[in-house]
Amino acid sequence: MAAGTFSEIRGWAAMKPGMQAEPWSYTPRPLGSRDVEIKIEFSGICGSDIHLIRNDWGFSQYPQIAGHEIVGKVVAKGPGVKHFELGDTVGVGAIGAYTILGKYPDGVSSQGGFAEAVRVHEHFASKIPAAIDPAHAPPLMCAGVTVFAPMVKNGVKRGDRVGVVGIGGLGHLAIQFAAALGAEVVAISHSPSKREQCMELGVTQFVDTSNREEAEALRKSLDFLFVCSTAGAEKYNEFITWMACESQIVILGLPSEPLKVYPGELVFSGTSISGSQIGGLSMTRKTLEFAAKHNIRPMIERFPIAKINEAMEHVESGKVRYRAVLEL
């Protein structure tokens, strides 16, 4: 095994279920032959990090350093590393093996990116293009690929009418990716205050759902609808009425209850409903390349790591516009 730079890694960990992280350190596993050690510069806070530290899913382990939108520099590498050099700026996302909640062969639990460093196999790291400011890269490692992957998979193309429900951490990126693919983008929100911002991001139409006339005008007009909010299950019948023949609804934000969909609406319109979970490593790298080429950037609020609890509360309360990034 190769020697790493950090004999002890300091971070901010949840010690029990809740919304509180506190300073904590751990001894990292030995640096493997094909491992890279990354000195973390920026770490995004995703909604799933909050679910994790609260144990909303019932399988969290404590102490737990969350964080799976990691960007930093390679400061050490194993002798078998083929694709990275010391000083490279790289990112690690949610699909990095053992990023969070993993178990190494020796039984040690893995820890995430709310820390000064992390060690991963080089396969799970991606180079950050020089055109992307490292501070803006973390949300692309999760939110970015989450919205871009289903657009590629479903063949969103120039001239398609693409609706985006929920203009938040996912939605504001979905608008940019869809617009860059040449689609006519319709932003759909109950917050009319977001209209001007959405137009600046590239939408061709903004629909305020609290205005029934605007909502009714959507009927049978969309080729794709990306649901980026945790819209109530009862909303999906209305969503279906917005869809053109043989169209596609993609669920990216999870409703808390089973969908309540009238099957006839699907049959008569030919609309399909599907879900999408992040994207593979190849798609992550395509996302970064596409974002660099088309100047797609998340809107972020930056917080020093010492204010992690304030930052998490900001995310949980929906105040953040639109992704929170911790500065290490």
Protein backbone atom coordinates (compact mmCIF):
# COMPACT_ATOMS: atom_id res chain seq x y z
CA MET A 1 0.00 0.00 0.00
CA ALA A 2 1.16 3.54 -0.76
CA ALA A 3 1.40 6.21 1.91
CA GLY A 4 -1.15 9.00 1.87
CA THR A 5 -0.85 12.62 2.94
CA PHE A 6 -3.50 12.50 5.68
CA SER A 7 -2.92 10.13 8.58
CA GLU A 8 -6.09 11.52 10.17
CA ILE A 9 -8.98 13.15 8.30
CA ARG A 10 -10.96 15.86 10.06
CA GLY A 11 -14.57 16.46 9.11
CA TRP A 12 -18.03 17.32 10.34
CA ALA A 13 -20.11 14.31 11.27
CA ALA A 14 -23.64 13.57 12.43
CA MET A 15 -23.28 11.61 15.66
CA LYS A 16 -26.96 10.65 15.82
CA PRO A 17 -30.16 11.19 13.78
CA GLY A 18 -31.03 14.86 13.48
CA MET A 19 -29.90 18.03 11.78
CA GLN A 20 -26.63 18.58 13.60
CA ALA A 21 -23.05 17.95 12.51
CA GLU A 22 -20.02 18.42 14.73
CA PRO A 23 -16.24 18.17 14.37
CA TRP A 24 -14.99 14.59 14.23
CA SER A 25 -11.98 12.84 12.76
CA TYR A 26 -11.17 9.34 11.57
CA THR A 27 -8.19 7.31 10.43
CA PRO A 28 -8.52 6.66 6.69
CA ARG A 29 -7.99 3.25 5.18
CA PRO A 30 -4.58 2.64 3.58
CA LEU A 31 -4.10 4.24 0.17
CA GLY A 32 -4.53 1.43 -2.37
CA SER A 33 -2.49 0.92 -5.51
CA ARG A 34 -5.11 2.62 -7.70
CA ASP A 35 -6.48 5.03 -5.10
CA VAL A 36 -6.26 8.80 -5.23
CA GLU A 37 -6.31 10.99 -2.17
CA ILE A 38 -8.23 14.20 -2.73
CA LYS A 39 -7.78 17.33 -0.64
CA ILE A 40 -11.33 18.65 -0.71
CA GLU A 41 -11.86 22.28 -1.66
CA PHE A 42 -15.65 22.35 -2.14
CA SER A 43 -18.47 20.02 -1.17
CA GLY A 44 -22.09 20.43 -2.17
CA ILE A 45 -25.02 19.82 0.14
CA CYS A 46 -27.69 17.69 -1.52
CA GLY A 47 -31.14 17.05 -0.10
CA SER A 48 -30.23 13.37 0.17
CA ASP A 49 -27.39 14.29 2.55
CA ILE A 50 -29.98 15.71 4.92
CA HIS A 51 -32.15 12.60 4.56
CA LEU A 52 -29.05 10.56 5.37
CA ILE A 53 -27.99 12.33 8.54
CA ARG A 54 -31.60 12.37 9.80
CA ASN A 55 -31.85 8.63 9.05
CA ASP A 56 -35.01 9.24 7.03
CA TRP A 57 -34.33 6.07 5.04
CA GLY A 58 -33.60 3.91 8.07
CA PHE A 59 -30.11 2.66 7.18
CA SER A 60 -27.77 5.45 8.29
CA GLN A 61 -24.67 4.68 10.35
CA TYR A 62 -23.10 6.95 12.95
CA PRO A 63 -20.78 8.78 13.23
CA GLN A 64 -21.44 9.76 9.60
CA ILE A 65 -19.68 12.36 7.49
CA ALA A 66 -22.11 12.96 4.64
CA GLY A 67 -21.42 14.69 1.33
CA HIS A 68 -21.31 13.18 -2.16
CA GLU A 69 -20.69 16.25 -4.36
CA ILE A 70 -16.94 16.45 -3.84
CA VAL A 71 -14.38 18.59 -5.68
CA GLY A 72 -10.73 18.99 -4.83
CA LYS A 73 -7.14 18.34 -5.87
CA VAL A 74 -5.26 15.05 -6.04
CA VAL A 75 -2.53 15.25 -3.38
CA ALA A 76 -1.45 11.60 -3.29
CA LYS A 77 -1.92 8.56 -5.50
CA GLY A 78 -1.17 4.88 -5.48
CA PRO A 79 1.55 3.45 -7.75
CA GLY A 80 -1.02 1.89 -10.08
CA VAL A 81 -2.99 5.10 -10.81
CA LYS A 82 -3.21 5.59 -14.58
CA HIS A 83 -5.45 8.58 -15.22
CA PHE A 84 -4.53 11.31 -12.74
CA GLU A 85 -1.53 13.39 -11.78
CA LEU A 86 -0.84 15.22 -8.56
CA GLY A 87 -2.56 18.60 -8.65
CA ASP A 88 -5.41 17.53 -10.94
CA THR A 89 -8.78 19.00 -10.00
CA VAL A 90 -11.27 16.14 -9.76
CA GLY A 91 -14.81 15.44 -8.62
CA VAL A 92 -16.44 12.47 -6.90
CA GLY A 93 -20.19 11.94 -6.97
CA ALA A 94 -22.77 9.75 -5.32
CA ILE A 95 -21.82 6.68 -7.32
CA GLY A 96 -18.23 6.68 -6.14
CA ALA A 97 -17.73 3.26 -4.57
CA TYR A 98 -18.08 3.60 -0.83
CA THR A 99 -18.50 7.39 -1.01
CA ILE A 100 -21.01 7.16 1.84
CA LEU A 101 -22.42 4.22 3.80
CA GLY A 102 -20.03 1.75 2.19
CA LYS A 103 -18.01 -0.96 3.86
CA TYR A 104 -14.43 -1.66 2.88
CA PRO A 105 -13.15 -5.26 2.89
CA ASP A 106 -11.73 -4.73 6.38
CA GLY A 107 -15.18 -3.69 7.65
CA VAL A 108 -14.38 0.01 8.07
CA SER A 109 -17.25 2.35 7.17
CA SER A 110 -16.63 4.95 4.48
CA GLN A 111 -17.03 8.67 5.03
CA GLY A 112 -18.05 11.46 2.65
CA GLY A 113 -17.11 14.94 1.57
CA PHE A 114 -17.90 17.18 4.53
CA ALA A 115 -14.25 16.77 5.44
CA GLU A 116 -10.77 17.92 4.52
CA ALA A 117 -9.96 14.88 2.36
CA VAL A 118 -11.27 11.63 0.90
CA ARG A 119 -9.71 8.55 -0.66
CA VAL A 120 -11.32 6.74 -3.59
CA HIS A 121 -10.36 4.34 -6.36
CA GLU A 122 -9.41 6.39 -9.42
CA HIS A 123 -12.24 4.81 -11.41
CA PHE A 124 -14.73 6.86 -9.38
CA ALA A 125 -13.05 10.25 -9.85
CA SER A 126 -13.64 12.54 -12.83
CA LYS A 127 -11.50 15.42 -14.05
CA ILE A 128 -13.18 18.80 -13.75
CA PRO A 129 -12.84 20.72 -17.06
CA ALA A 130 -10.72 23.84 -16.79
CA ALA A 131 -13.64 25.96 -18.04
CA ILE A 132 -15.64 25.17 -14.88
CA ASP A 133 -14.91 27.07 -11.68
CA PRO A 134 -14.29 24.34 -9.05
CA ALA A 135 -16.74 26.09 -6.69
CA HIS A 136 -19.53 25.54 -9.22
CA ALA A 137 -18.63 21.95 -10.02
CA PRO A 138 -20.00 20.04 -6.98
CA PRO A 139 -23.72 20.30 -7.89
CA LEU A 140 -22.94 19.04 -11.40
CA MET A 141 -21.66 15.78 -9.86
CA CYS A 142 -25.18 14.93 -8.64
CA ALA A 143 -27.92 17.40 -9.56
CA GLY A 144 -26.41 18.07 -12.97
CA VAL A 145 -26.10 14.46 -14.08
CA THR A 146 -29.49 13.66 -12.50
CA VAL A 147 -31.28 16.00 -14.92
CA PHE A 148 -29.01 15.57 -17.96
CA ALA A 149 -28.97 11.76 -18.03
CA PRO A 150 -32.72 11.27 -18.68
CA MET A 151 -32.66 13.99 -21.34
CA VAL A 152 -29.98 12.09 -23.22
CA LYS A 153 -31.64 8.73 -22.60
CA ASN A 154 -35.03 9.95 -23.84
CA GLY A 155 -33.62 11.82 -26.81
CA VAL A 156 -34.52 15.44 -26.02
CA LYS A 157 -33.69 17.39 -29.16
CA ARG A 158 -34.01 20.71 -30.92
CA GLY A 159 -37.62 21.82 -31.27
CA ASP A 160 -39.04 19.63 -28.49
CA ARG A 161 -41.23 21.37 -25.93
CA VAL A 162 -39.80 20.50 -22.55
CA GLY A 163 -41.58 21.39 -19.31
CA VAL A 164 -39.75 21.65 -16.00
CA VAL A 165 -41.81 21.52 -12.80
CA GLY A 166 -40.08 22.85 -9.70
CA ILE A 167 -37.50 25.57 -10.20
CA GLY A 168 -35.01 24.69 -7.50
CA GLY A 169 -31.72 22.84 -7.21
CA LEU A 170 -32.62 20.35 -9.95
CA GLY A 171 -35.01 22.49 -11.97
CA HIS A 172 -32.73 25.46 -12.61
CA LEU A 173 -30.13 23.07 -14.05
CA ALA A 174 -32.73 21.15 -16.06
CA ILE A 175 -33.74 24.42 -17.74
CA GLN A 176 -30.15 25.10 -18.79
CA PHE A 177 -29.44 21.60 -20.10
CA ALA A 178 -32.71 21.41 -22.05
CA ALA A 179 -32.14 24.85 -23.58
CA ALA A 180 -28.60 23.88 -24.58
CA LEU A 181 -30.03 20.79 -26.32
CA GLY A 182 -32.15 23.16 -28.43
CA ALA A 183 -35.50 22.53 -26.77
CA GLU A 184 -38.22 25.09 -26.16
CA VAL A 185 -38.25 25.15 -22.38
CA VAL A 186 -41.36 25.85 -20.30
CA ALA A 187 -40.70 26.61 -16.63
CA ILE A 188 -43.66 25.63 -14.45
CA SER A 189 -43.80 27.03 -10.92
CA HIS A 190 -46.18 28.34 -8.26
CA SER A 191 -43.67 31.12 -7.51
CA PRO A 192 -44.17 33.99 -9.98
CA SER A 193 -41.15 35.71 -8.42
CA LYS A 194 -38.97 33.23 -10.32
CA ARG A 195 -40.26 34.29 -13.74
CA GLU A 196 -37.50 36.78 -14.56
CA GLN A 197 -34.75 34.47 -13.36
CA CYS A 198 -36.10 31.59 -15.43
CA MET A 199 -36.16 33.75 -18.54
CA GLU A 200 -32.49 34.59 -17.93
CA LEU A 201 -31.71 30.86 -17.66
CA GLY A 202 -33.15 30.21 -21.12
CA VAL A 203 -36.86 29.39 -20.89
CA THR A 204 -39.17 30.38 -23.72
CA GLN A 205 -42.25 30.40 -21.51
CA PHE A 206 -42.98 30.69 -17.78
CA VAL A 207 -46.20 29.25 -16.39
CA ASP A 208 -47.44 30.36 -13.00
CA THR A 209 -49.60 27.45 -11.83
CA SER A 210 -51.49 29.71 -9.42
CA ASN A 211 -52.84 31.41 -12.55
CA ARG A 212 -55.43 28.94 -13.86
CA GLU A 213 -55.52 30.56 -17.28
CA GLU A 214 -51.79 30.06 -17.73
CA ALA A 215 -51.98 26.48 -16.48
CA GLU A 216 -54.92 25.63 -18.75
CA ALA A 217 -52.99 26.92 -21.76
CA LEU A 218 -50.48 24.10 -21.24
CA ARG A 219 -52.97 21.41 -22.27
CA LYS A 220 -51.57 18.87 -24.73
CA SER A 221 -48.53 21.01 -25.49
CA LEU A 222 -45.47 19.27 -23.95
CA ASP A 223 -43.29 16.54 -25.42
CA PHE A 224 -41.41 16.02 -22.15
CA LEU A 225 -42.05 16.97 -18.55
CA PHE A 226 -39.28 16.73 -15.97
CA VAL A 227 -40.75 16.80 -12.45
CA CYS A 228 -37.98 18.25 -10.31
CA SER A 229 -40.08 18.91 -7.21
CA THR A 230 -41.69 16.63 -4.66
CA ALA A 231 -45.05 17.41 -6.24
CA GLY A 232 -47.98 15.75 -4.50
CA ALA A 233 -49.08 12.42 -5.94
CA GLU A 234 -52.47 13.88 -6.82
CA LYS A 235 -50.82 16.38 -9.19
CA TYR A 236 -49.91 13.80 -11.79
CA ASN A 237 -53.35 13.63 -13.39
CA GLU A 238 -53.03 17.34 -14.11
CA PHE A 239 -49.51 16.83 -15.43
CA ILE A 240 -50.81 14.26 -17.89
CA THR A 241 -53.29 16.79 -19.33
CA TRP A 242 -50.35 18.99 -20.30
CA MET A 243 -48.77 16.28 -22.43
CA ALA A 244 -48.89 15.92 -26.20
CA CYS A 245 -49.53 12.53 -27.81
CA GLU A 246 -46.83 9.91 -27.16
CA SER A 247 -45.01 12.14 -24.66
CA GLN A 248 -42.89 11.41 -21.59
CA ILE A 249 -43.06 12.43 -17.92
CA VAL A 250 -39.85 11.82 -15.96
CA ILE A 251 -39.95 11.79 -12.14
CA LEU A 252 -36.84 13.27 -10.53
CA GLY A 253 -38.35 14.51 -7.25
CA LEU A 254 -39.98 11.84 -5.12
CA PRO A 255 -43.58 12.35 -3.92
CA SER A 256 -44.17 11.05 -0.41
CA GLU A 257 -47.18 8.94 -1.43
CA PRO A 258 -48.04 6.51 -4.27
CA LEU A 259 -49.11 8.19 -7.50
CA LYS A 260 -52.84 8.59 -7.98
CA VAL A 261 -53.14 8.33 -11.74
CA TYR A 262 -56.28 7.60 -13.75
CA PRO A 263 -55.13 4.94 -16.26
CA GLY A 264 -57.45 6.24 -18.96
CA GLU A 265 -55.51 9.49 -19.12
CA LEU A 266 -52.35 7.54 -19.93
CA VAL A 267 -54.05 5.27 -22.45
CA PHE A 268 -55.82 8.02 -24.38
CA SER A 269 -52.79 10.31 -24.53
CA GLY A 270 -50.12 7.64 -24.95
CA THR A 271 -48.12 9.37 -22.22
CA SER A 272 -45.42 7.38 -20.42
CA ILE A 273 -44.22 7.98 -16.87
CA SER A 274 -40.72 6.95 -15.84
CA GLY A 275 -38.14 7.66 -13.19
CA SER A 276 -34.43 8.31 -13.39
CA GLN A 277 -31.68 7.80 -10.82
CA ILE A 278 -28.56 9.93 -11.26
CA GLY A 279 -26.37 8.49 -14.07
CA GLY A 280 -23.30 6.31 -14.52
CA LEU A 281 -19.68 7.44 -14.53
CA SER A 282 -19.64 7.82 -18.31
CA MET A 283 -22.72 10.06 -18.11
CA THR A 284 -21.18 12.05 -15.27
CA ARG A 285 -18.20 12.85 -17.46
CA LYS A 286 -20.47 13.71 -20.41
CA THR A 287 -22.39 16.04 -18.10
CA LEU A 288 -19.22 17.87 -17.09
CA GLU A 289 -18.06 18.16 -20.71
CA PHE A 290 -21.47 19.38 -21.91
CA ALA A 291 -21.72 21.89 -19.06
CA ALA A 292 -18.24 23.22 -19.84
CA LYS A 293 -19.01 23.55 -23.57
CA HIS A 294 -22.37 25.27 -23.11
CA ASN A 295 -21.50 27.38 -20.06
CA ILE A 296 -24.06 25.63 -17.84
CA ARG A 297 -23.48 26.57 -14.22
CA PRO A 298 -25.43 25.98 -11.03
CA MET A 299 -26.47 29.01 -9.04
CA ILE A 300 -24.81 28.54 -5.68
CA GLU A 301 -24.57 29.97 -2.19
CA ARG A 302 -21.22 29.42 -0.53
CA PHE A 303 -20.75 28.65 3.17
CA PRO A 304 -17.56 28.04 5.16
CA ILE A 305 -17.46 24.51 6.55
CA ALA A 306 -17.73 25.92 10.09
CA LYS A 307 -21.26 27.04 9.19
CA ILE A 308 -22.35 23.63 7.95
CA ASN A 309 -25.36 23.46 10.28
CA GLU A 310 -26.57 26.87 9.14
CA ALA A 311 -26.08 25.77 5.54
CA MET A 312 -28.05 22.55 6.03
CA GLU A 313 -30.92 24.47 7.64
CA HIS A 314 -30.85 26.84 4.68
CA VAL A 315 -31.22 23.87 2.31
CA GLU A 316 -33.89 22.16 4.39
CA SER A 317 -36.01 25.29 4.65
CA GLY A 318 -35.89 25.89 0.89
CA LYS A 319 -34.16 29.25 1.28
CA VAL A 320 -31.08 28.39 -0.74
CA ARG A 321 -30.86 29.67 -4.34
CA TYR A 322 -30.30 27.09 -5.63
CA ARG A 323 -27.49 24.84 -4.36
CA ALA A 324 -25.40 25.16 -1.21
CA VAL A 325 -21.65 24.61 -1.48
CA LEU A 326 -19.34 24.27 1.51
CA GLU A 327 -15.86 25.78 1.27
CA LEU A 328 -13.21 23.65 2.92
